[in-house]
């Protein structure tokens, strides 16, 4: 009897052990890797919040959740381009799996860093002109993403729209950053358009936030009749400063991105920058699923927005001509 009870006890203990082991096996499911995505932008965090949120939304739409399967580390240069290499190096030390770079200057800094991880760029003016890729169809390197298609021939449109809005003005101030990778293209095209419309362009440069205030003061002294702001992350991050200056000086102004018009600028003409970041999320998804950046064609925008801020027009005492107003895709009242 004792031997029989002993056998039963041993059998129960063995079953219990099997149950515990199987429970541990069930509970110890393979832990999914948390993908680290590094984000580097030449602008400030305040200026880039909407774009980063558009990128996050794009990832959410594709099933990614922060803290569950992805983690985002963002770094901002606050308009100081010389900080970009250090920020990229910092993210590299964090062992990010992939990097999103915002704008041409950050993309070039990533290229020069010769990163071993895939790089997706967003809102780059002309990636081929910058030497970031071998072609739009086949980038050929560890970098791909979304372009803005505002290279050759585009910046003349800003001069045209500004002239049509203030036909009697014959002198424009053009604000540019000489460190921008395609600033020479913007300047050349703007100047050609200015000659075609009998406008004299006065060029003013600003390389960093510290120089911008002095440059705006110089523009005020020149007494030009309108303001053209060429694309650069520095100006995007300082858009409220620039827009407020134009309002105080009663200067009709035009910009690339609608965020300037939303901040109080008169007009903007260009692609939707937030959409560029949403689309960048699709590249991240494809790369994480095994695609190579070299094989993913660079996307360009198919639609450009012309935005007019009538509240801004009223503040500077300007009546926008009906023919210009009729061309607007969006009117802010």
C-alpha atoms as a PDB file:
ATOM      1  CA  UNK A   1       0.000   0.000   0.000  1.00  0.00           C
ATOM      2  CA  UNK A   2       2.803   2.363   0.963  1.00  0.00           C
ATOM      3  CA  UNK A   3       4.597   1.661  -2.330  1.00  0.00           C
ATOM      4  CA  UNK A   4       1.364   2.297  -4.232  1.00  0.00           C
ATOM      5  CA  UNK A   5       0.784   5.618  -2.430  1.00  0.00           C
ATOM      6  CA  UNK A   6       4.395   6.523  -3.103  1.00  0.00           C
ATOM      7  CA  UNK A   7       3.972   5.811  -6.821  1.00  0.00           C
ATOM      8  CA  UNK A   8       0.815   7.974  -6.897  1.00  0.00           C
ATOM      9  CA  UNK A   9       2.623  10.805  -5.106  1.00  0.00           C
ATOM     10  CA  UNK A  10       5.529  10.634  -7.538  1.00  0.00           C
ATOM     11  CA  UNK A  11       3.141  10.647 -10.483  1.00  0.00           C
ATOM     12  CA  UNK A  12       1.334  13.725  -9.142  1.00  0.00           C
ATOM     13  CA  UNK A  13       4.652  15.507  -8.600  1.00  0.00           C
ATOM     14  CA  UNK A  14       5.783  14.653 -12.118  1.00  0.00           C
ATOM     15  CA  UNK A  15       2.519  15.984 -13.581  1.00  0.00           C
ATOM     16  CA  UNK A  16       2.866  19.155 -11.541  1.00  0.00           C
ATOM     17  CA  UNK A  17       6.442  19.609 -12.774  1.00  0.00           C
ATOM     18  CA  UNK A  18       5.352  19.121 -16.377  1.00  0.00           C
ATOM     19  CA  UNK A  19       2.548  21.650 -15.856  1.00  0.00           C
ATOM     20  CA  UNK A  20       4.907  24.239 -14.376  1.00  0.00           C
ATOM     21  CA  UNK A  21       7.449  23.773 -17.155  1.00  0.00           C
ATOM     22  CA  UNK A  22       4.803  24.034 -19.846  1.00  0.00           C
ATOM     23  CA  UNK A  23       3.348  27.145 -18.173  1.00  0.00           C
ATOM     24  CA  UNK A  24       6.753  28.774 -18.186  1.00  0.00           C
ATOM     25  CA  UNK A  25       7.193  27.906 -21.843  1.00  0.00           C
ATOM     26  CA  UNK A  26       3.805  29.392 -22.740  1.00  0.00           C
ATOM     27  CA  UNK A  27       4.437  32.581 -20.789  1.00  0.00           C
ATOM     28  CA  UNK A  28       7.990  32.978 -22.061  1.00  0.00           C
ATOM     29  CA  UNK A  29       6.973  33.969 -25.600  1.00  0.00           C
ATOM     30  CA  UNK A  30       9.733  35.420 -27.816  1.00  0.00           C
ATOM     31  CA  UNK A  31      10.214  39.094 -26.965  1.00  0.00           C
ATOM     32  CA  UNK A  32       9.697  41.331 -29.998  1.00  0.00           C
ATOM     33  CA  UNK A  33      12.599  43.649 -30.682  1.00  0.00           C
ATOM     34  CA  UNK A  34      11.885  47.318 -30.026  1.00  0.00           C
ATOM     35  CA  UNK A  35      13.002  49.078 -33.204  1.00  0.00           C
ATOM     36  CA  UNK A  36      14.962  52.272 -32.488  1.00  0.00           C
ATOM     37  CA  UNK A  37      14.422  55.074 -34.988  1.00  0.00           C
ATOM     38  CA  UNK A  38      16.674  58.106 -34.797  1.00  0.00           C
ATOM     39  CA  UNK A  39      15.336  61.447 -36.084  1.00  0.00           C
ATOM     40  CA  UNK A  40      17.628  64.361 -36.933  1.00  0.00           C
ATOM     41  CA  UNK A  41      16.433  67.796 -38.049  1.00  0.00           C
ATOM     42  CA  UNK A  42      18.218  71.071 -38.685  1.00  0.00           C
ATOM     43  CA  UNK A  43      15.226  73.023 -37.366  1.00  0.00           C
ATOM     44  CA  UNK A  44      14.005  73.396 -33.787  1.00  0.00           C
ATOM     45  CA  UNK A  45      11.711  71.053 -31.873  1.00  0.00           C
ATOM     46  CA  UNK A  46       9.013  73.740 -31.733  1.00  0.00           C
ATOM     47  CA  UNK A  47       9.154  74.298 -35.488  1.00  0.00           C
ATOM     48  CA  UNK A  48       9.313  70.609 -36.356  1.00  0.00           C
ATOM     49  CA  UNK A  49       6.581  69.278 -34.058  1.00  0.00           C
ATOM     50  CA  UNK A  50       3.942  69.060 -36.784  1.00  0.00           C
ATOM     51  CA  UNK A  51       6.284  67.243 -39.160  1.00  0.00           C
ATOM     52  CA  UNK A  52       7.409  64.741 -36.538  1.00  0.00           C
ATOM     53  CA  UNK A  53       3.785  64.112 -35.593  1.00  0.00           C
ATOM     54  CA  UNK A  54       2.958  63.515 -39.275  1.00  0.00           C
ATOM     55  CA  UNK A  55       5.752  60.910 -39.358  1.00  0.00           C
ATOM     56  CA  UNK A  56       4.441  59.304 -36.170  1.00  0.00           C
ATOM     57  CA  UNK A  57       0.913  59.237 -37.587  1.00  0.00           C
ATOM     58  CA  UNK A  58       2.193  57.576 -40.724  1.00  0.00           C
ATOM     59  CA  UNK A  59       3.819  54.882 -38.594  1.00  0.00           C
ATOM     60  CA  UNK A  60       0.637  54.421 -36.538  1.00  0.00           C
ATOM     61  CA  UNK A  61      -1.377  53.984 -39.726  1.00  0.00           C
ATOM     62  CA  UNK A  62       0.990  51.140 -40.613  1.00  0.00           C
ATOM     63  CA  UNK A  63       0.548  49.405 -37.262  1.00  0.00           C
ATOM     64  CA  UNK A  64       3.539  50.718 -35.328  1.00  0.00           C
ATOM     65  CA  UNK A  65       3.159  51.819 -31.711  1.00  0.00           C
ATOM     66  CA  UNK A  66       5.743  53.682 -29.669  1.00  0.00           C
ATOM     67  CA  UNK A  67       6.776  51.712 -26.621  1.00  0.00           C
ATOM     68  CA  UNK A  68       5.431  48.492 -28.131  1.00  0.00           C
ATOM     69  CA  UNK A  69       7.392  47.853 -31.307  1.00  0.00           C
ATOM     70  CA  UNK A  70       9.207  51.153 -32.007  1.00  0.00           C
ATOM     71  CA  UNK A  71      11.042  53.830 -30.068  1.00  0.00           C
ATOM     72  CA  UNK A  72      11.815  57.273 -31.530  1.00  0.00           C
ATOM     73  CA  UNK A  73      14.810  59.365 -30.484  1.00  0.00           C
ATOM     74  CA  UNK A  74      14.682  62.899 -31.944  1.00  0.00           C
ATOM     75  CA  UNK A  75      17.508  65.445 -32.051  1.00  0.00           C
ATOM     76  CA  UNK A  76      17.208  69.092 -33.165  1.00  0.00           C
ATOM     77  CA  UNK A  77      19.941  71.459 -34.377  1.00  0.00           C
ATOM     78  CA  UNK A  78      17.843  74.615 -33.747  1.00  0.00           C
ATOM     79  CA  UNK A  79      19.027  76.176 -37.001  1.00  0.00           C
ATOM     80  CA  UNK A  80      22.748  75.604 -36.302  1.00  0.00           C
ATOM     81  CA  UNK A  81      23.851  73.292 -39.126  1.00  0.00           C
ATOM     82  CA  UNK A  82      27.274  72.695 -37.565  1.00  0.00           C
ATOM     83  CA  UNK A  83      25.549  70.731 -34.791  1.00  0.00           C
ATOM     84  CA  UNK A  84      24.192  68.087 -37.167  1.00  0.00           C
ATOM     85  CA  UNK A  85      27.257  65.767 -37.298  1.00  0.00           C
ATOM     86  CA  UNK A  86      27.367  65.618 -33.494  1.00  0.00           C
ATOM     87  CA  UNK A  87      23.654  64.826 -33.254  1.00  0.00           C
ATOM     88  CA  UNK A  88      24.012  62.044 -35.816  1.00  0.00           C
ATOM     89  CA  UNK A  89      26.997  60.633 -33.938  1.00  0.00           C
ATOM     90  CA  UNK A  90      24.979  60.734 -30.707  1.00  0.00           C
ATOM     91  CA  UNK A  91      22.170  58.683 -32.249  1.00  0.00           C
ATOM     92  CA  UNK A  92      24.672  56.260 -33.747  1.00  0.00           C
ATOM     93  CA  UNK A  93      26.030  55.601 -30.256  1.00  0.00           C
ATOM     94  CA  UNK A  94      22.486  54.753 -29.162  1.00  0.00           C
ATOM     95  CA  UNK A  95      22.518  51.938 -31.742  1.00  0.00           C
ATOM     96  CA  UNK A  96      19.486  53.089 -33.696  1.00  0.00           C
ATOM     97  CA  UNK A  97      18.233  50.615 -36.299  1.00  0.00           C
ATOM     98  CA  UNK A  98      17.260  53.267 -38.819  1.00  0.00           C
ATOM     99  CA  UNK A  99      17.552  57.033 -39.161  1.00  0.00           C
ATOM    100  CA  UNK A 100      15.094  59.631 -40.457  1.00  0.00           C
ATOM    101  CA  UNK A 101      16.780  62.874 -41.513  1.00  0.00           C
ATOM    102  CA  UNK A 102      14.824  66.058 -42.110  1.00  0.00           C
ATOM    103  CA  UNK A 103      15.809  68.329 -44.972  1.00  0.00           C
ATOM    104  CA  UNK A 104      18.814  68.568 -47.256  1.00  0.00           C
ATOM    105  CA  UNK A 105      21.412  69.747 -44.743  1.00  0.00           C
ATOM    106  CA  UNK A 106      20.663  66.912 -42.334  1.00  0.00           C
ATOM    107  CA  UNK A 107      20.627  64.404 -45.203  1.00  0.00           C
ATOM    108  CA  UNK A 108      24.061  65.575 -46.347  1.00  0.00           C
ATOM    109  CA  UNK A 109      25.397  65.321 -42.803  1.00  0.00           C
ATOM    110  CA  UNK A 110      24.093  61.733 -42.662  1.00  0.00           C
ATOM    111  CA  UNK A 111      25.733  60.941 -46.000  1.00  0.00           C
ATOM    112  CA  UNK A 112      29.071  62.347 -44.824  1.00  0.00           C
ATOM    113  CA  UNK A 113      28.810  60.292 -41.618  1.00  0.00           C
ATOM    114  CA  UNK A 114      28.836  57.106 -43.750  1.00  0.00           C
ATOM    115  CA  UNK A 115      26.261  55.400 -41.556  1.00  0.00           C
ATOM    116  CA  UNK A 116      25.892  51.630 -41.493  1.00  0.00           C
ATOM    117  CA  UNK A 117      22.137  51.816 -40.908  1.00  0.00           C
ATOM    118  CA  UNK A 118      19.435  52.620 -43.486  1.00  0.00           C
ATOM    119  CA  UNK A 119      18.616  56.318 -43.834  1.00  0.00           C
ATOM    120  CA  UNK A 120      15.248  57.725 -44.882  1.00  0.00           C
ATOM    121  CA  UNK A 121      15.085  61.413 -45.740  1.00  0.00           C
ATOM    122  CA  UNK A 122      12.039  63.678 -45.794  1.00  0.00           C
ATOM    123  CA  UNK A 123      11.473  67.127 -47.303  1.00  0.00           C
ATOM    124  CA  UNK A 124      14.735  67.205 -49.263  1.00  0.00           C
ATOM    125  CA  UNK A 125      14.659  69.834 -51.989  1.00  0.00           C
ATOM    126  CA  UNK A 126      16.568  67.954 -54.692  1.00  0.00           C
ATOM    127  CA  UNK A 127      18.295  64.736 -53.533  1.00  0.00           C
ATOM    128  CA  UNK A 128      19.902  64.075 -56.905  1.00  0.00           C
ATOM    129  CA  UNK A 129      21.330  67.604 -57.147  1.00  0.00           C
ATOM    130  CA  UNK A 130      22.726  67.200 -53.622  1.00  0.00           C
ATOM    131  CA  UNK A 131      24.505  63.959 -54.590  1.00  0.00           C
ATOM    132  CA  UNK A 132      22.514  61.926 -52.069  1.00  0.00           C
ATOM    133  CA  UNK A 133      21.310  59.386 -54.629  1.00  0.00           C
ATOM    134  CA  UNK A 134      22.359  57.994 -58.000  1.00  0.00           C
ATOM    135  CA  UNK A 135      18.905  58.450 -59.530  1.00  0.00           C
ATOM    136  CA  UNK A 136      15.308  58.980 -58.428  1.00  0.00           C
ATOM    137  CA  UNK A 137      14.302  55.540 -59.704  1.00  0.00           C
ATOM    138  CA  UNK A 138      17.213  53.675 -58.106  1.00  0.00           C
ATOM    139  CA  UNK A 139      18.896  55.598 -55.273  1.00  0.00           C
ATOM    140  CA  UNK A 140      21.712  53.051 -55.242  1.00  0.00           C
ATOM    141  CA  UNK A 141      22.941  53.667 -51.683  1.00  0.00           C
ATOM    142  CA  UNK A 142      21.705  53.207 -48.118  1.00  0.00           C
ATOM    143  CA  UNK A 143      19.518  56.318 -48.434  1.00  0.00           C
ATOM    144  CA  UNK A 144      16.083  57.037 -49.937  1.00  0.00           C
ATOM    145  CA  UNK A 145      12.946  58.978 -49.088  1.00  0.00           C
ATOM    146  CA  UNK A 146      10.728  61.851 -50.182  1.00  0.00           C
ATOM    147  CA  UNK A 147      11.776  64.899 -52.195  1.00  0.00           C
ATOM    148  CA  UNK A 148      10.146  68.317 -52.524  1.00  0.00           C
ATOM    149  CA  UNK A 149      10.854  68.806 -56.244  1.00  0.00           C
ATOM    150  CA  UNK A 150      11.696  72.482 -55.867  1.00  0.00           C
ATOM    151  CA  UNK A 151      14.924  72.532 -57.796  1.00  0.00           C
ATOM    152  CA  UNK A 152      15.615  73.939 -61.230  1.00  0.00           C
ATOM    153  CA  UNK A 153      12.940  76.296 -62.542  1.00  0.00           C
ATOM    154  CA  UNK A 154      10.751  76.306 -59.429  1.00  0.00           C
ATOM    155  CA  UNK A 155      11.832  79.381 -57.479  1.00  0.00           C
ATOM    156  CA  UNK A 156      10.925  81.680 -60.370  1.00  0.00           C
ATOM    157  CA  UNK A 157       7.296  80.934 -59.510  1.00  0.00           C
ATOM    158  CA  UNK A 158       7.651  82.780 -56.212  1.00  0.00           C
ATOM    159  CA  UNK A 159       8.884  85.898 -58.007  1.00  0.00           C
ATOM    160  CA  UNK A 160       6.026  85.626 -60.498  1.00  0.00           C
ATOM    161  CA  UNK A 161       3.307  85.315 -57.853  1.00  0.00           C
ATOM    162  CA  UNK A 162       4.742  88.122 -55.741  1.00  0.00           C
ATOM    163  CA  UNK A 163       4.968  90.440 -58.759  1.00  0.00           C
ATOM    164  CA  UNK A 164       1.377  89.687 -59.772  1.00  0.00           C
ATOM    165  CA  UNK A 165       0.255  90.462 -56.241  1.00  0.00           C
ATOM    166  CA  UNK A 166       2.124  93.800 -56.040  1.00  0.00           C
ATOM    167  CA  UNK A 167       2.545  94.800 -59.720  1.00  0.00           C
ATOM    168  CA  UNK A 168       3.764  98.322 -58.934  1.00  0.00           C
ATOM    169  CA  UNK A 169       6.642  97.125 -56.716  1.00  0.00           C
ATOM    170  CA  UNK A 170       9.943  96.919 -58.596  1.00  0.00           C
ATOM    171  CA  UNK A 171      12.339  95.979 -55.769  1.00  0.00           C
ATOM    172  CA  UNK A 172      12.266  92.723 -53.785  1.00  0.00           C
ATOM    173  CA  UNK A 173      14.447  91.556 -50.893  1.00  0.00           C
ATOM    174  CA  UNK A 174      15.502  87.909 -51.176  1.00  0.00           C
ATOM    175  CA  UNK A 175      16.519  86.186 -47.935  1.00  0.00           C
ATOM    176  CA  UNK A 176      18.715  83.099 -48.370  1.00  0.00           C
ATOM    177  CA  UNK A 177      21.160  80.870 -46.532  1.00  0.00           C
ATOM    178  CA  UNK A 178      24.362  80.347 -48.564  1.00  0.00           C
ATOM    179  CA  UNK A 179      25.027  77.056 -46.746  1.00  0.00           C
ATOM    180  CA  UNK A 180      21.883  75.483 -48.215  1.00  0.00           C
ATOM    181  CA  UNK A 181      22.935  72.762 -50.692  1.00  0.00           C
ATOM    182  CA  UNK A 182      21.027  74.274 -53.624  1.00  0.00           C
ATOM    183  CA  UNK A 183      21.037  77.952 -52.675  1.00  0.00           C
ATOM    184  CA  UNK A 184      22.844  78.736 -55.944  1.00  0.00           C
ATOM    185  CA  UNK A 185      19.997  77.147 -57.909  1.00  0.00           C
ATOM    186  CA  UNK A 186      17.395  79.174 -55.993  1.00  0.00           C
ATOM    187  CA  UNK A 187      19.341  82.394 -56.487  1.00  0.00           C
ATOM    188  CA  UNK A 188      19.967  81.807 -60.189  1.00  0.00           C
ATOM    189  CA  UNK A 189      16.336  80.970 -60.933  1.00  0.00           C
ATOM    190  CA  UNK A 190      14.980  83.827 -58.819  1.00  0.00           C
ATOM    191  CA  UNK A 191      17.252  86.331 -60.501  1.00  0.00           C
ATOM    192  CA  UNK A 192      16.300  85.115 -63.973  1.00  0.00           C
ATOM    193  CA  UNK A 193      12.613  85.479 -63.132  1.00  0.00           C
ATOM    194  CA  UNK A 194      13.216  88.907 -61.611  1.00  0.00           C
ATOM    195  CA  UNK A 195      14.754  90.133 -64.873  1.00  0.00           C
ATOM    196  CA  UNK A 196      11.822  88.724 -66.836  1.00  0.00           C
ATOM    197  CA  UNK A 197       9.372  90.648 -64.648  1.00  0.00           C
ATOM    198  CA  UNK A 198      11.476  93.841 -64.457  1.00  0.00           C
ATOM    199  CA  UNK A 199      12.135  93.405 -60.739  1.00  0.00           C
ATOM    200  CA  UNK A 200      15.376  94.187 -58.963  1.00  0.00           C
ATOM    201  CA  UNK A 201      16.383  91.596 -56.362  1.00  0.00           C
ATOM    202  CA  UNK A 202      18.461  92.554 -53.330  1.00  0.00           C
ATOM    203  CA  UNK A 203      20.044  89.467 -51.779  1.00  0.00           C
ATOM    204  CA  UNK A 204      20.494  89.141 -48.018  1.00  0.00           C
ATOM    205  CA  UNK A 205      22.127  86.136 -46.397  1.00  0.00           C
ATOM    206  CA  UNK A 206      21.741  84.588 -42.950  1.00  0.00           C
ATOM    207  CA  UNK A 207      23.642  81.457 -41.935  1.00  0.00           C
ATOM    208  CA  UNK A 208      22.390  80.950 -38.383  1.00  0.00           C
ATOM    209  CA  UNK A 209      19.922  82.374 -35.823  1.00  0.00           C
ATOM    210  CA  UNK A 210      22.547  84.774 -34.526  1.00  0.00           C
ATOM    211  CA  UNK A 211      22.956  86.409 -37.934  1.00  0.00           C
ATOM    212  CA  UNK A 212      19.269  86.524 -38.815  1.00  0.00           C
ATOM    213  CA  UNK A 213      18.346  89.548 -36.662  1.00  0.00           C
ATOM    214  CA  UNK A 214      21.121  91.639 -38.196  1.00  0.00           C
ATOM    215  CA  UNK A 215      20.090  90.562 -41.693  1.00  0.00           C
ATOM    216  CA  UNK A 216      16.472  91.549 -41.103  1.00  0.00           C
ATOM    217  CA  UNK A 217      17.651  94.945 -39.886  1.00  0.00           C
ATOM    218  CA  UNK A 218      19.616  95.356 -43.103  1.00  0.00           C
ATOM    219  CA  UNK A 219      16.534  94.468 -45.140  1.00  0.00           C
ATOM    220  CA  UNK A 220      14.601  97.174 -43.299  1.00  0.00           C
ATOM    221  CA  UNK A 221      17.275  99.743 -44.157  1.00  0.00           C
ATOM    222  CA  UNK A 222      17.173  98.809 -47.850  1.00  0.00           C
ATOM    223  CA  UNK A 223      13.462  99.764 -48.041  1.00  0.00           C
ATOM    224  CA  UNK A 224      12.539  97.158 -50.648  1.00  0.00           C
ATOM    225  CA  UNK A 225       8.877  96.715 -51.517  1.00  0.00           C
ATOM    226  CA  UNK A 226       8.431  92.974 -50.899  1.00  0.00           C
ATOM    227  CA  UNK A 227      10.134  89.974 -49.335  1.00  0.00           C
ATOM    228  CA  UNK A 228      11.005  86.635 -50.917  1.00  0.00           C
ATOM    229  CA  UNK A 229      12.266  83.972 -48.479  1.00  0.00           C
ATOM    230  CA  UNK A 230      14.129  81.107 -50.109  1.00  0.00           C
ATOM    231  CA  UNK A 231      13.894  77.622 -48.523  1.00  0.00           C
ATOM    232  CA  UNK A 232      16.088  76.677 -45.573  1.00  0.00           C
ATOM    233  CA  UNK A 233      15.539  74.844 -42.239  1.00  0.00           C
ATOM    234  CA  UNK A 234      16.872  77.912 -40.411  1.00  0.00           C
ATOM    235  CA  UNK A 235      14.100  80.098 -41.813  1.00  0.00           C
ATOM    236  CA  UNK A 236      11.500  77.414 -41.179  1.00  0.00           C
ATOM    237  CA  UNK A 237      12.481  77.236 -37.518  1.00  0.00           C
ATOM    238  CA  UNK A 238      12.497  81.059 -37.307  1.00  0.00           C
ATOM    239  CA  UNK A 239       9.348  81.597 -39.355  1.00  0.00           C
ATOM    240  CA  UNK A 240       7.467  83.521 -36.662  1.00  0.00           C
ATOM    241  CA  UNK A 241      10.376  85.969 -36.348  1.00  0.00           C
ATOM    242  CA  UNK A 242      10.477  86.493 -40.121  1.00  0.00           C
ATOM    243  CA  UNK A 243       6.703  86.772 -40.509  1.00  0.00           C
ATOM    244  CA  UNK A 244       6.427  89.290 -37.655  1.00  0.00           C
ATOM    245  CA  UNK A 245       9.201  91.344 -39.252  1.00  0.00           C
ATOM    246  CA  UNK A 246       7.376  91.405 -42.609  1.00  0.00           C
ATOM    247  CA  UNK A 247       4.148  92.460 -40.884  1.00  0.00           C
ATOM    248  CA  UNK A 248       5.805  95.305 -38.965  1.00  0.00           C
ATOM    249  CA  UNK A 249       7.487  96.570 -42.126  1.00  0.00           C
ATOM    250  CA  UNK A 250       4.286  96.171 -44.182  1.00  0.00           C
ATOM    251  CA  UNK A 251       6.149  93.927 -46.614  1.00  0.00           C
ATOM    252  CA  UNK A 252       4.201  91.588 -48.910  1.00  0.00           C
ATOM    253  CA  UNK A 253       5.967  88.236 -48.587  1.00  0.00           C
ATOM    254  CA  UNK A 254       6.057  84.788 -50.154  1.00  0.00           C
ATOM    255  CA  UNK A 255       7.447  81.518 -48.811  1.00  0.00           C
ATOM    256  CA  UNK A 256       7.769  77.870 -49.788  1.00  0.00           C
ATOM    257  CA  UNK A 257       5.692  76.240 -47.043  1.00  0.00           C
ATOM    258  CA  UNK A 258       2.137  76.944 -45.939  1.00  0.00           C
ATOM    259  CA  UNK A 259       3.314  76.974 -42.313  1.00  0.00           C
ATOM    260  CA  UNK A 260       4.634  80.487 -43.007  1.00  0.00           C
ATOM    261  CA  UNK A 261       1.229  81.666 -44.237  1.00  0.00           C
ATOM    262  CA  UNK A 262      -0.421  80.008 -41.242  1.00  0.00           C
ATOM    263  CA  UNK A 263       1.996  81.892 -38.980  1.00  0.00           C
ATOM    264  CA  UNK A 264       0.905  85.224 -40.505  1.00  0.00           C
ATOM    265  CA  UNK A 265       2.858  85.467 -43.775  1.00  0.00           C
ATOM    266  CA  UNK A 266       1.074  86.756 -46.866  1.00  0.00           C
ATOM    267  CA  UNK A 267       1.529  83.859 -49.295  1.00  0.00           C
ATOM    268  CA  UNK A 268       3.146  80.471 -49.780  1.00  0.00           C
ATOM    269  CA  UNK A 269       3.582  78.255 -52.789  1.00  0.00           C
ATOM    270  CA  UNK A 270       5.014  74.767 -52.563  1.00  0.00           C
ATOM    271  CA  UNK A 271       4.408  71.139 -51.603  1.00  0.00           C
ATOM    272  CA  UNK A 272       2.773  69.993 -48.375  1.00  0.00           C
ATOM    273  CA  UNK A 273       5.747  69.338 -46.094  1.00  0.00           C
ATOM    274  CA  UNK A 274       3.788  67.308 -43.510  1.00  0.00           C
ATOM    275  CA  UNK A 275       2.734  64.928 -46.271  1.00  0.00           C
ATOM    276  CA  UNK A 276       6.417  64.352 -47.057  1.00  0.00           C
ATOM    277  CA  UNK A 277       6.918  63.066 -43.508  1.00  0.00           C
ATOM    278  CA  UNK A 278       3.821  60.866 -43.580  1.00  0.00           C
ATOM    279  CA  UNK A 279       5.085  59.258 -46.760  1.00  0.00           C
ATOM    280  CA  UNK A 280       8.520  58.796 -45.211  1.00  0.00           C
ATOM    281  CA  UNK A 281       6.881  56.401 -42.736  1.00  0.00           C
ATOM    282  CA  UNK A 282       6.067  54.063 -45.636  1.00  0.00           C
ATOM    283  CA  UNK A 283       9.771  53.856 -46.491  1.00  0.00           C
ATOM    284  CA  UNK A 284      10.565  52.957 -42.895  1.00  0.00           C
ATOM    285  CA  UNK A 285       7.948  50.202 -42.993  1.00  0.00           C
ATOM    286  CA  UNK A 286       9.288  48.741 -46.231  1.00  0.00           C
ATOM    287  CA  UNK A 287      12.875  48.786 -44.981  1.00  0.00           C
ATOM    288  CA  UNK A 288      11.947  47.138 -41.694  1.00  0.00           C
ATOM    289  CA  UNK A 289      10.237  44.420 -43.720  1.00  0.00           C
ATOM    290  CA  UNK A 290      13.403  43.698 -45.669  1.00  0.00           C
ATOM    291  CA  UNK A 291      13.538  46.155 -48.579  1.00  0.00           C
ATOM    292  CA  UNK A 292      16.841  47.860 -49.391  1.00  0.00           C
ATOM    293  CA  UNK A 293      16.954  51.685 -49.576  1.00  0.00           C
ATOM    294  CA  UNK A 294      18.966  51.401 -52.800  1.00  0.00           C
ATOM    295  CA  UNK A 295      15.963  49.760 -54.501  1.00  0.00           C
ATOM    296  CA  UNK A 296      13.207  52.090 -53.262  1.00  0.00           C
ATOM    297  CA  UNK A 297      12.485  54.945 -55.738  1.00  0.00           C
ATOM    298  CA  UNK A 298      12.454  58.466 -54.328  1.00  0.00           C
ATOM    299  CA  UNK A 299       8.967  59.977 -54.280  1.00  0.00           C
ATOM    300  CA  UNK A 300       8.213  63.499 -55.434  1.00  0.00           C
ATOM    301  CA  UNK A 301       5.073  65.525 -54.713  1.00  0.00           C
ATOM    302  CA  UNK A 302       2.387  65.611 -57.374  1.00  0.00           C
ATOM    303  CA  UNK A 303       0.530  68.620 -56.011  1.00  0.00           C
ATOM    304  CA  UNK A 304       1.618  72.112 -55.015  1.00  0.00           C
ATOM    305  CA  UNK A 305      -0.415  74.458 -52.825  1.00  0.00           C
ATOM    306  CA  UNK A 306      -0.863  78.183 -53.263  1.00  0.00           C
ATOM    307  CA  UNK A 307      -2.006  79.670 -49.940  1.00  0.00           C
ATOM    308  CA  UNK A 308      -3.025  83.298 -49.352  1.00  0.00           C
ATOM    309  CA  UNK A 309      -3.549  84.823 -45.910  1.00  0.00           C
ATOM    310  CA  UNK A 310      -6.104  87.644 -46.257  1.00  0.00           C
ATOM    311  CA  UNK A 311      -5.760  88.549 -42.580  1.00  0.00           C
ATOM    312  CA  UNK A 312      -2.070  89.188 -43.212  1.00  0.00           C
ATOM    313  CA  UNK A 313      -2.949  91.226 -46.316  1.00  0.00           C
ATOM    314  CA  UNK A 314      -5.246  93.415 -44.253  1.00  0.00           C
ATOM    315  CA  UNK A 315      -2.568  93.950 -41.593  1.00  0.00           C
ATOM    316  CA  UNK A 316      -0.116  95.320 -44.151  1.00  0.00           C
ATOM    317  CA  UNK A 317      -2.766  97.332 -45.996  1.00  0.00           C
ATOM    318  CA  UNK A 318      -2.759  95.243 -49.164  1.00  0.00           C
ATOM    319  CA  UNK A 319      -5.649  94.266 -51.418  1.00  0.00           C
ATOM    320  CA  UNK A 320      -4.863  91.000 -53.186  1.00  0.00           C
ATOM    321  CA  UNK A 321      -5.828  91.240 -56.886  1.00  0.00           C
ATOM    322  CA  UNK A 322      -8.868  89.082 -57.783  1.00  0.00           C
ATOM    323  CA  UNK A 323      -6.938  87.190 -60.478  1.00  0.00           C
ATOM    324  CA  UNK A 324      -4.317  86.135 -57.894  1.00  0.00           C
ATOM    325  CA  UNK A 325      -6.934  85.270 -55.286  1.00  0.00           C
ATOM    326  CA  UNK A 326      -8.773  83.065 -57.788  1.00  0.00           C
ATOM    327  CA  UNK A 327      -5.645  80.909 -58.203  1.00  0.00           C
ATOM    328  CA  UNK A 328      -5.327  80.120 -54.488  1.00  0.00           C
ATOM    329  CA  UNK A 329      -5.835  76.559 -53.317  1.00  0.00           C
ATOM    330  CA  UNK A 330      -6.510  77.814 -49.817  1.00  0.00           C
ATOM    331  CA  UNK A 331      -7.450  81.228 -48.435  1.00  0.00           C
ATOM    332  CA  UNK A 332      -6.909  82.065 -44.761  1.00  0.00           C
ATOM    333  CA  UNK A 333      -9.414  84.679 -43.594  1.00  0.00           C
END
